[in-house]
PDB file of N, CA and C in Angstrom:
ATOM      1  N   MET A   1       0.824  -1.208   0.000  1.00  0.00           N
ATOM      2  CA  MET A   1       0.000   0.000   0.000  1.00  0.00           C
ATOM      3  C   MET A   1       0.860   1.261   0.000  1.00  0.00           C
ATOM      4  N   HIS A   2       2.155   1.110   0.083  1.00  0.00           N
ATOM      5  CA  HIS A   2       3.052   2.259   0.163  1.00  0.00           C
ATOM      6  C   HIS A   2       2.873   3.179  -1.044  1.00  0.00           C
ATOM      7  N   ARG A   3       2.565   4.444  -0.795  1.00  0.00           N
ATOM      8  CA  ARG A   3       2.374   5.481  -1.805  1.00  0.00           C
ATOM      9  C   ARG A   3       1.252   5.178  -2.805  1.00  0.00           C
ATOM     10  N   THR A   4       0.260   4.418  -2.394  1.00  0.00           N
ATOM     11  CA  THR A   4      -0.864   4.108  -3.278  1.00  0.00           C
ATOM     12  C   THR A   4      -2.009   5.087  -3.119  1.00  0.00           C
ATOM     13  N   ARG A   5      -1.904   6.002  -2.145  1.00  0.00           N
ATOM     14  CA  ARG A   5      -2.977   6.931  -1.807  1.00  0.00           C
ATOM     15  C   ARG A   5      -4.205   6.186  -1.312  1.00  0.00           C
ATOM     16  N   GLY A   6      -4.003   4.963  -0.845  1.00  0.00           N
ATOM     17  CA  GLY A   6      -5.086   4.181  -0.267  1.00  0.00           C
ATOM     18  C   GLY A   6      -5.350   4.628   1.158  1.00  0.00           C
ATOM     19  N   GLY A   7      -6.338   4.023   1.776  1.00  0.00           N
ATOM     20  CA  GLY A   7      -6.680   4.392   3.133  1.00  0.00           C
ATOM     21  C   GLY A   7      -7.042   3.183   3.962  1.00  0.00           C
ATOM     22  N   VAL A   8      -6.873   3.318   5.270  1.00  0.00           N
ATOM     23  CA  VAL A   8      -7.248   2.263   6.201  1.00  0.00           C
ATOM     24  C   VAL A   8      -8.180   2.844   7.253  1.00  0.00           C
ATOM     25  N   THR A   9      -9.074   2.001   7.753  1.00  0.00           N
ATOM     26  CA  THR A   9      -9.968   2.368   8.838  1.00  0.00           C
ATOM     27  C   THR A   9      -9.677   1.438   9.999  1.00  0.00           C
ATOM     28  N   THR A  10      -9.481   2.006  11.189  1.00  0.00           N
ATOM     29  CA  THR A  10      -9.083   1.211  12.344  1.00  0.00           C
ATOM     30  C   THR A  10      -9.952   1.531  13.550  1.00  0.00           C
ATOM     31  N   ASP A  11      -9.885   0.654  14.546  1.00  0.00           N
ATOM     32  CA  ASP A  11     -10.574   0.931  15.800  1.00  0.00           C
ATOM     33  C   ASP A  11      -9.606   1.643  16.734  1.00  0.00           C
ATOM     34  N   ASN A  12     -10.010   1.850  17.974  1.00  0.00           N
ATOM     35  CA  ASN A  12      -9.200   2.637  18.894  1.00  0.00           C
ATOM     36  C   ASN A  12      -7.911   1.949  19.347  1.00  0.00           C
ATOM     37  N   LEU A  13      -7.756   0.672  19.072  1.00  0.00           N
ATOM     38  CA  LEU A  13      -6.525  -0.024  19.416  1.00  0.00           C
ATOM     39  C   LEU A  13      -5.368   0.399  18.520  1.00  0.00           C
ATOM     40  N   PHE A  14      -5.652   0.747  17.269  1.00  0.00           N
ATOM     41  CA  PHE A  14      -4.610   1.059  16.298  1.00  0.00           C
ATOM     42  C   PHE A  14      -4.573   2.512  15.862  1.00  0.00           C
ATOM     43  N   THR A  15      -5.434   3.356  16.396  1.00  0.00           N
ATOM     44  CA  THR A  15      -5.461   4.760  16.004  1.00  0.00           C
ATOM     45  C   THR A  15      -4.721   5.593  17.042  1.00  0.00           C
ATOM     46  N   HIS A  16      -3.615   6.181  16.620  1.00  0.00           N
ATOM     47  CA  HIS A  16      -2.811   7.075  17.456  1.00  0.00           C
ATOM     48  C   HIS A  16      -2.330   8.207  16.565  1.00  0.00           C
ATOM     49  N   CYS A  17      -2.170   9.395  17.109  1.00  0.00           N
ATOM     50  CA  CYS A  17      -1.744  10.541  16.310  1.00  0.00           C
ATOM     51  C   CYS A  17      -0.409  10.282  15.624  1.00  0.00           C
ATOM     52  N   GLU A  18       0.519   9.660  16.334  1.00  0.00           N
ATOM     53  CA  GLU A  18       1.834   9.393  15.754  1.00  0.00           C
ATOM     54  C   GLU A  18       1.723   8.430  14.568  1.00  0.00           C
ATOM     55  N   ARG A  19       0.904   7.404  14.712  1.00  0.00           N
ATOM     56  CA  ARG A  19       0.742   6.428  13.643  1.00  0.00           C
ATOM     57  C   ARG A  19       0.050   7.042  12.432  1.00  0.00           C
ATOM     58  N   VAL A  20      -0.946   7.886  12.664  1.00  0.00           N
ATOM     59  CA  VAL A  20      -1.643   8.540  11.560  1.00  0.00           C
ATOM     60  C   VAL A  20      -0.666   9.418  10.777  1.00  0.00           C
ATOM     61  N   ASN A  21       0.167  10.179  11.477  1.00  0.00           N
ATOM     62  CA  ASN A  21       1.150  11.022  10.805  1.00  0.00           C
ATOM     63  C   ASN A  21       2.195  10.193  10.067  1.00  0.00           C
ATOM     64  N   PHE A  22       2.614   9.066  10.639  1.00  0.00           N
ATOM     65  CA  PHE A  22       3.581   8.176   9.995  1.00  0.00           C
ATOM     66  C   PHE A  22       3.009   7.624   8.688  1.00  0.00           C
ATOM     67  N   LEU A  23       1.765   7.130   8.743  1.00  0.00           N
ATOM     68  CA  LEU A  23       1.136   6.589   7.538  1.00  0.00           C
ATOM     69  C   LEU A  23       0.910   7.669   6.484  1.00  0.00           C
ATOM     70  N   LEU A  24       0.555   8.870   6.926  1.00  0.00           N
ATOM     71  CA  LEU A  24       0.332   9.961   5.985  1.00  0.00           C
ATOM     72  C   LEU A  24       1.619  10.322   5.250  1.00  0.00           C
ATOM     73  N   ALA A  25       2.745  10.263   5.942  1.00  0.00           N
ATOM     74  CA  ALA A  25       4.035  10.510   5.303  1.00  0.00           C
ATOM     75  C   ALA A  25       4.351   9.444   4.251  1.00  0.00           C
ATOM     76  N   LYS A  26       3.786   8.266   4.408  1.00  0.00           N
ATOM     77  CA  LYS A  26       3.972   7.171   3.443  1.00  0.00           C
ATOM     78  C   LYS A  26       2.930   7.191   2.336  1.00  0.00           C
ATOM     79  N   GLY A  27       2.011   8.170   2.358  1.00  0.00           N
ATOM     80  CA  GLY A  27       0.988   8.275   1.321  1.00  0.00           C
ATOM     81  C   GLY A  27      -0.257   7.463   1.593  1.00  0.00           C
ATOM     82  N   ILE A  28      -0.479   7.077   2.857  1.00  0.00           N
ATOM     83  CA  ILE A  28      -1.645   6.274   3.234  1.00  0.00           C
ATOM     84  C   ILE A  28      -2.483   7.072   4.226  1.00  0.00           C
ATOM     85  N   THR A  29      -3.779   7.204   3.965  1.00  0.00           N
ATOM     86  CA  THR A  29      -4.653   7.902   4.903  1.00  0.00           C
ATOM     87  C   THR A  29      -5.238   6.909   5.898  1.00  0.00           C
ATOM     88  N   GLN A  30      -5.637   7.421   7.059  1.00  0.00           N
ATOM     89  CA  GLN A  30      -6.215   6.579   8.103  1.00  0.00           C
ATOM     90  C   GLN A  30      -7.365   7.308   8.762  1.00  0.00           C
ATOM     91  N   SER A  31      -8.425   6.575   9.068  1.00  0.00           N
ATOM     92  CA  SER A  31      -9.547   7.081   9.844  1.00  0.00           C
ATOM     93  C   SER A  31      -9.849   6.062  10.922  1.00  0.00           C
ATOM     94  N   GLY A  32     -10.159   6.540  12.112  1.00  0.00           N
ATOM     95  CA  GLY A  32     -10.494   5.614  13.180  1.00  0.00           C
ATOM     96  C   GLY A  32     -10.866   6.323  14.457  1.00  0.00           C
ATOM     97  N   THR A  33     -11.430   5.563  15.365  1.00  0.00           N
ATOM     98  CA  THR A  33     -11.798   6.110  16.663  1.00  0.00           C
ATOM     99  C   THR A  33     -10.573   6.161  17.558  1.00  0.00           C
ATOM    100  N   LEU A  34     -10.580   7.096  18.495  1.00  0.00           N
ATOM    101  CA  LEU A  34      -9.479   7.259  19.442  1.00  0.00           C
ATOM    102  C   LEU A  34      -9.924   6.836  20.826  1.00  0.00           C
ATOM    103  N   ARG A  35      -8.976   6.347  21.596  1.00  0.00           N
ATOM    104  CA  ARG A  35      -9.245   6.092  23.019  1.00  0.00           C
ATOM    105  C   ARG A  35      -9.314   7.427  23.748  1.00  0.00           C
ATOM    106  N   LYS A  36     -10.116   7.483  24.769  1.00  0.00           N
ATOM    107  CA  LYS A  36     -10.309   8.745  25.485  1.00  0.00           C
ATOM    108  C   LYS A  36      -9.140   9.112  26.384  1.00  0.00           C
ATOM    109  N   ASN A  37      -8.203   8.187  26.623  1.00  0.00           N
ATOM    110  CA  ASN A  37      -7.070   8.486  27.481  1.00  0.00           C
ATOM    111  C   ASN A  37      -5.833   8.925  26.700  1.00  0.00           C
ATOM    112  N   GLU A  38      -5.981   9.236  25.416  1.00  0.00           N
ATOM    113  CA  GLU A  38      -4.863   9.749  24.626  1.00  0.00           C
ATOM    114  C   GLU A  38      -4.456  11.112  25.180  1.00  0.00           C
ATOM    115  N   PRO A  39      -3.161  11.363  25.359  1.00  0.00           N
ATOM    116  CA  PRO A  39      -2.733  12.637  25.958  1.00  0.00           C
ATOM    117  C   PRO A  39      -2.998  13.848  25.076  1.00  0.00           C
ATOM    118  N   GLN A  40      -3.179  13.676  23.771  1.00  0.00           N
ATOM    119  CA  GLN A  40      -3.399  14.803  22.874  1.00  0.00           C
ATOM    120  C   GLN A  40      -4.832  15.311  22.902  1.00  0.00           C
ATOM    121  N   ILE A  41      -5.741  14.601  23.541  1.00  0.00           N
ATOM    122  CA  ILE A  41      -7.156  14.977  23.538  1.00  0.00           C
ATOM    123  C   ILE A  41      -7.452  15.897  24.718  1.00  0.00           C
ATOM    124  N   SER A  42      -8.014  17.046  24.411  1.00  0.00           N
ATOM    125  CA  SER A  42      -8.390  18.006  25.440  1.00  0.00           C
ATOM    126  C   SER A  42      -9.645  17.534  26.172  1.00  0.00           C
ATOM    127  N   ALA A  43      -9.808  17.984  27.407  1.00  0.00           N
ATOM    128  CA  ALA A  43     -10.993  17.630  28.192  1.00  0.00           C
ATOM    129  C   ALA A  43     -12.270  18.176  27.560  1.00  0.00           C
ATOM    130  N   LEU A  44     -12.157  19.207  26.754  1.00  0.00           N
ATOM    131  CA  LEU A  44     -13.314  19.774  26.058  1.00  0.00           C
ATOM    132  C   LEU A  44     -13.971  18.742  25.142  1.00  0.00           C
ATOM    133  N   PHE A  45     -13.180  17.855  24.557  1.00  0.00           N
ATOM    134  CA  PHE A  45     -13.708  16.858  23.630  1.00  0.00           C
ATOM    135  C   PHE A  45     -14.293  15.646  24.336  1.00  0.00           C
ATOM    136  N   LEU A  46     -13.987  15.473  25.609  1.00  0.00           N
ATOM    137  CA  LEU A  46     -14.451  14.305  26.349  1.00  0.00           C
ATOM    138  C   LEU A  46     -15.752  14.542  27.086  1.00  0.00           C
ATOM    139  N   GLY A  47     -16.115  15.791  27.308  1.00  0.00           N
ATOM    140  CA  GLY A  47     -17.234  16.117  28.186  1.00  0.00           C
ATOM    141  C   GLY A  47     -18.604  15.860  27.604  1.00  0.00           C
ATOM    142  N   GLY A  48     -19.145  14.689  27.834  1.00  0.00           N
ATOM    143  CA  GLY A  48     -20.493  14.394  27.401  1.00  0.00           C
ATOM    144  C   GLY A  48     -21.531  15.066  28.285  1.00  0.00           C
ATOM    145  N   LYS A  49     -21.189  15.355  29.539  1.00  0.00           N
ATOM    146  CA  LYS A  49     -22.142  15.959  30.471  1.00  0.00           C
ATOM    147  C   LYS A  49     -22.405  17.422  30.133  1.00  0.00           C
ATOM    148  N   GLN A  50     -21.379  18.144  29.709  1.00  0.00           N
ATOM    149  CA  GLN A  50     -21.528  19.573  29.465  1.00  0.00           C
ATOM    150  C   GLN A  50     -22.048  19.883  28.074  1.00  0.00           C
ATOM    151  N   ARG A  51     -22.052  18.916  27.182  1.00  0.00           N
ATOM    152  CA  ARG A  51     -22.428  19.174  25.800  1.00  0.00           C
ATOM    153  C   ARG A  51     -23.809  18.632  25.481  1.00  0.00           C
ATOM    154  N   GLN A  52     -24.465  19.256  24.528  1.00  0.00           N
ATOM    155  CA  GLN A  52     -25.810  18.880  24.106  1.00  0.00           C
ATOM    156  C   GLN A  52     -25.754  17.569  23.317  1.00  0.00           C
ATOM    157  N   PHE A  53     -26.806  16.755  23.462  1.00  0.00           N
ATOM    158  CA  PHE A  53     -26.899  15.506  22.699  1.00  0.00           C
ATOM    159  C   PHE A  53     -26.805  15.796  21.205  1.00  0.00           C
ATOM    160  N   TYR A  54     -26.199  14.902  20.473  1.00  0.00           N
ATOM    161  CA  TYR A  54     -26.047  14.960  19.022  1.00  0.00           C
ATOM    162  C   TYR A  54     -25.184  16.119  18.548  1.00  0.00           C
ATOM    163  N   SER A  55     -24.444  16.746  19.466  1.00  0.00           N
ATOM    164  CA  SER A  55     -23.568  17.837  19.048  1.00  0.00           C
ATOM    165  C   SER A  55     -22.208  17.274  18.645  1.00  0.00           C
ATOM    166  N   SER A  56     -21.538  17.993  17.763  1.00  0.00           N
ATOM    167  CA  SER A  56     -20.212  17.588  17.298  1.00  0.00           C
ATOM    168  C   SER A  56     -19.283  18.786  17.316  1.00  0.00           C
ATOM    169  N   ILE A  57     -18.033  18.546  17.671  1.00  0.00           N
ATOM    170  CA  ILE A  57     -16.975  19.541  17.608  1.00  0.00           C
ATOM    171  C   ILE A  57     -15.924  18.959  16.687  1.00  0.00           C
ATOM    172  N   SER A  58     -15.437  19.756  15.742  1.00  0.00           N
ATOM    173  CA  SER A  58     -14.462  19.210  14.806  1.00  0.00           C
ATOM    174  C   SER A  58     -13.372  20.223  14.470  1.00  0.00           C
ATOM    175  N   PRO A  59     -12.273  20.212  15.228  1.00  0.00           N
ATOM    176  CA  PRO A  59     -11.138  21.069  14.870  1.00  0.00           C
ATOM    177  C   PRO A  59     -10.344  20.428  13.728  1.00  0.00           C
ATOM    178  N   PHE A  60      -9.730  21.274  12.904  1.00  0.00           N
ATOM    179  CA  PHE A  60      -8.982  20.809  11.756  1.00  0.00           C
ATOM    180  C   PHE A  60      -7.548  21.320  11.826  1.00  0.00           C
ATOM    181  N   THR A  61      -6.621  20.561  11.290  1.00  0.00           N
ATOM    182  CA  THR A  61      -5.284  21.047  10.975  1.00  0.00           C
ATOM    183  C   THR A  61      -5.131  20.893   9.465  1.00  0.00           C
ATOM    184  N   THR A  62      -3.966  21.142   8.950  1.00  0.00           N
ATOM    185  CA  THR A  62      -3.791  20.994   7.507  1.00  0.00           C
ATOM    186  C   THR A  62      -3.863  19.532   7.085  1.00  0.00           C
ATOM    187  N   ASP A  63      -3.539  18.609   7.986  1.00  0.00           N
ATOM    188  CA  ASP A  63      -3.503  17.189   7.634  1.00  0.00           C
ATOM    189  C   ASP A  63      -4.503  16.322   8.383  1.00  0.00           C
ATOM    190  N   LEU A  64      -4.974  16.770   9.557  1.00  0.00           N
ATOM    191  CA  LEU A  64      -5.797  15.911  10.409  1.00  0.00           C
ATOM    192  C   LEU A  64      -7.114  16.587  10.787  1.00  0.00           C
ATOM    193  N   THR A  65      -8.113  15.760  11.010  1.00  0.00           N
ATOM    194  CA  THR A  65      -9.405  16.217  11.509  1.00  0.00           C
ATOM    195  C   THR A  65      -9.765  15.380  12.729  1.00  0.00           C
ATOM    196  N   LEU A  66     -10.163  16.032  13.789  1.00  0.00           N
ATOM    197  CA  LEU A  66     -10.615  15.360  15.002  1.00  0.00           C
ATOM    198  C   LEU A  66     -12.092  15.696  15.170  1.00  0.00           C
ATOM    199  N   VAL A  67     -12.927  14.685  15.329  1.00  0.00           N
ATOM    200  CA  VAL A  67     -14.363  14.908  15.528  1.00  0.00           C
ATOM    201  C   VAL A  67     -14.761  14.289  16.856  1.00  0.00           C
ATOM    202  N   SER A  68     -15.403  15.080  17.702  1.00  0.00           N
ATOM    203  CA  SER A  68     -15.940  14.592  18.960  1.00  0.00           C
ATOM    204  C   SER A  68     -17.458  14.725  18.887  1.00  0.00           C
ATOM    205  N   HIS A  69     -18.148  13.603  18.997  1.00  0.00           N
ATOM    206  CA  HIS A  69     -19.601  13.572  18.868  1.00  0.00           C
ATOM    207  C   HIS A  69     -20.215  12.997  20.133  1.00  0.00           C
ATOM    208  N   VAL A  70     -21.316  13.596  20.598  1.00  0.00           N
ATOM    209  CA  VAL A  70     -22.019  13.123  21.789  1.00  0.00           C
ATOM    210  C   VAL A  70     -23.309  12.440  21.339  1.00  0.00           C
ATOM    211  N   PRO A  71     -23.321  11.090  21.262  1.00  0.00           N
ATOM    212  CA  PRO A  71     -24.521  10.382  20.823  1.00  0.00           C
ATOM    213  C   PRO A  71     -25.536  10.129  21.928  1.00  0.00           C
ATOM    214  N   ALA A  72     -25.103  10.181  23.191  1.00  0.00           N
ATOM    215  CA  ALA A  72     -25.990   9.907  24.322  1.00  0.00           C
ATOM    216  C   ALA A  72     -25.429  10.583  25.566  1.00  0.00           C
ATOM    217  N   ARG A  73     -26.188  10.540  26.641  1.00  0.00           N
ATOM    218  CA  ARG A  73     -25.766  11.144  27.900  1.00  0.00           C
ATOM    219  C   ARG A  73     -24.469  10.512  28.399  1.00  0.00           C
ATOM    220  N   ASN A  74     -23.546  11.352  28.848  1.00  0.00           N
ATOM    221  CA  ASN A  74     -22.259  10.938  29.418  1.00  0.00           C
ATOM    222  C   ASN A  74     -21.436  10.084  28.462  1.00  0.00           C
ATOM    223  N   GLU A  75     -21.586  10.313  27.171  1.00  0.00           N
ATOM    224  CA  GLU A  75     -20.851   9.519  26.199  1.00  0.00           C
ATOM    225  C   GLU A  75     -20.302  10.436  25.113  1.00  0.00           C
ATOM    226  N   ALA A  76     -19.083  10.178  24.686  1.00  0.00           N
ATOM    227  CA  ALA A  76     -18.489  10.918  23.581  1.00  0.00           C
ATOM    228  C   ALA A  76     -17.716   9.939  22.704  1.00  0.00           C
ATOM    229  N   VAL A  77     -17.862  10.075  21.402  1.00  0.00           N
ATOM    230  CA  VAL A  77     -17.133   9.265  20.429  1.00  0.00           C
ATOM    231  C   VAL A  77     -16.141  10.192  19.755  1.00  0.00           C
ATOM    232  N   ILE A  78     -14.872   9.776  19.707  1.00  0.00           N
ATOM    233  CA  ILE A  78     -13.831  10.619  19.149  1.00  0.00           C
ATOM    234  C   ILE A  78     -13.230   9.936  17.930  1.00  0.00           C
ATOM    235  N   LEU A  79     -13.230  10.639  16.811  1.00  0.00           N
ATOM    236  CA  LEU A  79     -12.734  10.117  15.545  1.00  0.00           C
ATOM    237  C   LEU A  79     -11.576  10.974  15.068  1.00  0.00           C
ATOM    238  N   LEU A  80     -10.512  10.327  14.597  1.00  0.00           N
ATOM    239  CA  LEU A  80      -9.365  11.014  14.017  1.00  0.00           C
ATOM    240  C   LEU A  80      -9.233  10.574  12.569  1.00  0.00           C
ATOM    241  N   SER A  81      -9.046  11.524  11.664  1.00  0.00           N
ATOM    242  CA  SER A  81      -8.963  11.189  10.250  1.00  0.00           C
ATOM    243  C   SER A  81      -7.903  12.037   9.563  1.00  0.00           C
ATOM    244  N   SER A  82      -7.122  11.392   8.701  1.00  0.00           N
ATOM    245  CA  SER A  82      -6.192  12.130   7.845  1.00  0.00           C
ATOM    246  C   SER A  82      -6.743  12.198   6.424  1.00  0.00           C
ATOM    247  N   GLN A  83      -7.955  11.699   6.229  1.00  0.00           N
ATOM    248  CA  GLN A  83      -8.573  11.680   4.910  1.00  0.00           C
ATOM    249  C   GLN A  83      -9.530  12.852   4.721  1.00  0.00           C
ATOM    250  N   HIS A  84     -10.189  13.283   5.764  1.00  0.00           N
ATOM    251  CA  HIS A  84     -11.205  14.335   5.683  1.00  0.00           C
ATOM    252  C   HIS A  84     -10.616  15.648   6.191  1.00  0.00           C
ATOM    253  N   HIS A  85     -10.861  16.729   5.442  1.00  0.00           N
ATOM    254  CA  HIS A  85     -10.264  18.011   5.821  1.00  0.00           C
ATOM    255  C   HIS A  85     -11.270  19.152   5.871  1.00  0.00           C
ATOM    256  N   ASP A  86     -12.553  18.836   5.974  1.00  0.00           N
ATOM    257  CA  ASP A  86     -13.562  19.870   6.149  1.00  0.00           C
ATOM    258  C   ASP A  86     -14.724  19.270   6.933  1.00  0.00           C
ATOM    259  N   ASN A  87     -15.765  20.052   7.159  1.00  0.00           N
ATOM    260  CA  ASN A  87     -16.854  19.600   8.032  1.00  0.00           C
ATOM    261  C   ASN A  87     -17.872  18.710   7.334  1.00  0.00           C
ATOM    262  N   THR A  88     -17.630  18.236   6.123  1.00  0.00           N
ATOM    263  CA  THR A  88     -18.595  17.356   5.468  1.00  0.00           C
ATOM    264  C   THR A  88     -18.666  15.994   6.143  1.00  0.00           C
ATOM    265  N   CYS A  89     -17.583  15.560   6.811  1.00  0.00           N
ATOM    266  CA  CYS A  89     -17.623  14.265   7.492  1.00  0.00           C
ATOM    267  C   CYS A  89     -18.445  14.328   8.770  1.00  0.00           C
ATOM    268  N   VAL A  90     -18.699  15.515   9.300  1.00  0.00           N
ATOM    269  CA  VAL A  90     -19.479  15.661  10.525  1.00  0.00           C
ATOM    270  C   VAL A  90     -20.932  15.247  10.291  1.00  0.00           C
ATOM    271  N   CYS A  91     -21.433  15.461   9.088  1.00  0.00           N
ATOM    272  CA  CYS A  91     -22.839  15.177   8.804  1.00  0.00           C
ATOM    273  C   CYS A  91     -23.173  13.699   8.988  1.00  0.00           C
ATOM    274  N   ALA A  92     -22.234  12.815   8.785  1.00  0.00           N
ATOM    275  CA  ALA A  92     -22.489  11.392   8.937  1.00  0.00           C
ATOM    276  C   ALA A  92     -22.725  11.012  10.397  1.00  0.00           C
ATOM    277  N   TRP A  93     -22.252  11.820  11.322  1.00  0.00           N
ATOM    278  CA  TRP A  93     -22.392  11.511  12.742  1.00  0.00           C
ATOM    279  C   TRP A  93     -23.728  11.968  13.310  1.00  0.00           C
ATOM    280  N   VAL A  94     -24.376  12.917  12.680  1.00  0.00           N
ATOM    281  CA  VAL A  94     -25.595  13.506  13.225  1.00  0.00           C
ATOM    282  C   VAL A  94     -26.784  12.601  12.926  1.00  0.00           C
ATOM    283  N   ARG A  95     -27.503  12.216  13.973  1.00  0.00           N
ATOM    284  CA  ARG A  95     -28.691  11.377  13.812  1.00  0.00           C
ATOM    285  C   ARG A  95     -29.917  12.231  13.559  1.00  0.00           C
ATOM    286  N   ASP A  96     -30.901  11.625  12.952  1.00  0.00           N
ATOM    287  CA  ASP A  96     -32.177  12.282  12.767  1.00  0.00           C
ATOM    288  C   ASP A  96     -32.907  12.291  14.104  1.00  0.00           C
ATOM    289  N   LYS A  97     -33.254  13.452  14.610  1.00  0.00           N
ATOM    290  CA  LYS A  97     -33.880  13.558  15.934  1.00  0.00           C
ATOM    291  C   LYS A  97     -35.378  13.325  15.901  1.00  0.00           C
ATOM    292  N   SER A  98     -35.975  13.167  14.742  1.00  0.00           N
ATOM    293  CA  SER A  98     -37.441  13.005  14.676  1.00  0.00           C
ATOM    294  C   SER A  98     -37.875  11.600  14.999  1.00  0.00           C
TER     295      SER A  98
END
C-alpha cells in the first residue's frame, strides 16, 4: 500500500496521532476512533455531560481532523482522520432527531 494513496480504517486499538502522521508521510490515509485516554485529547472533547446531545466539535489542521460527537448522555465518540479536511464528514455523525 506504500504510496498508493489508499486508506485504512481502524478501531481505537490502532489509532494514534503518531501512527496517523507516519502513515500519511507514506501516502496512506487513516480514519479511526481514538481512546479517550490519549494525551493529545483536550478535556473539552471528552465532556459528554456539558455538551448537548447529538452535538459535534471538529477542529482541523492541515492534515488531520478530530471529531468529537455526543450520541448519548455521558458519552463521547472521538474520531481522528487524515482523509477528511472539512466539516462534510461531521454530517455522517448527526442522527435524525425526529
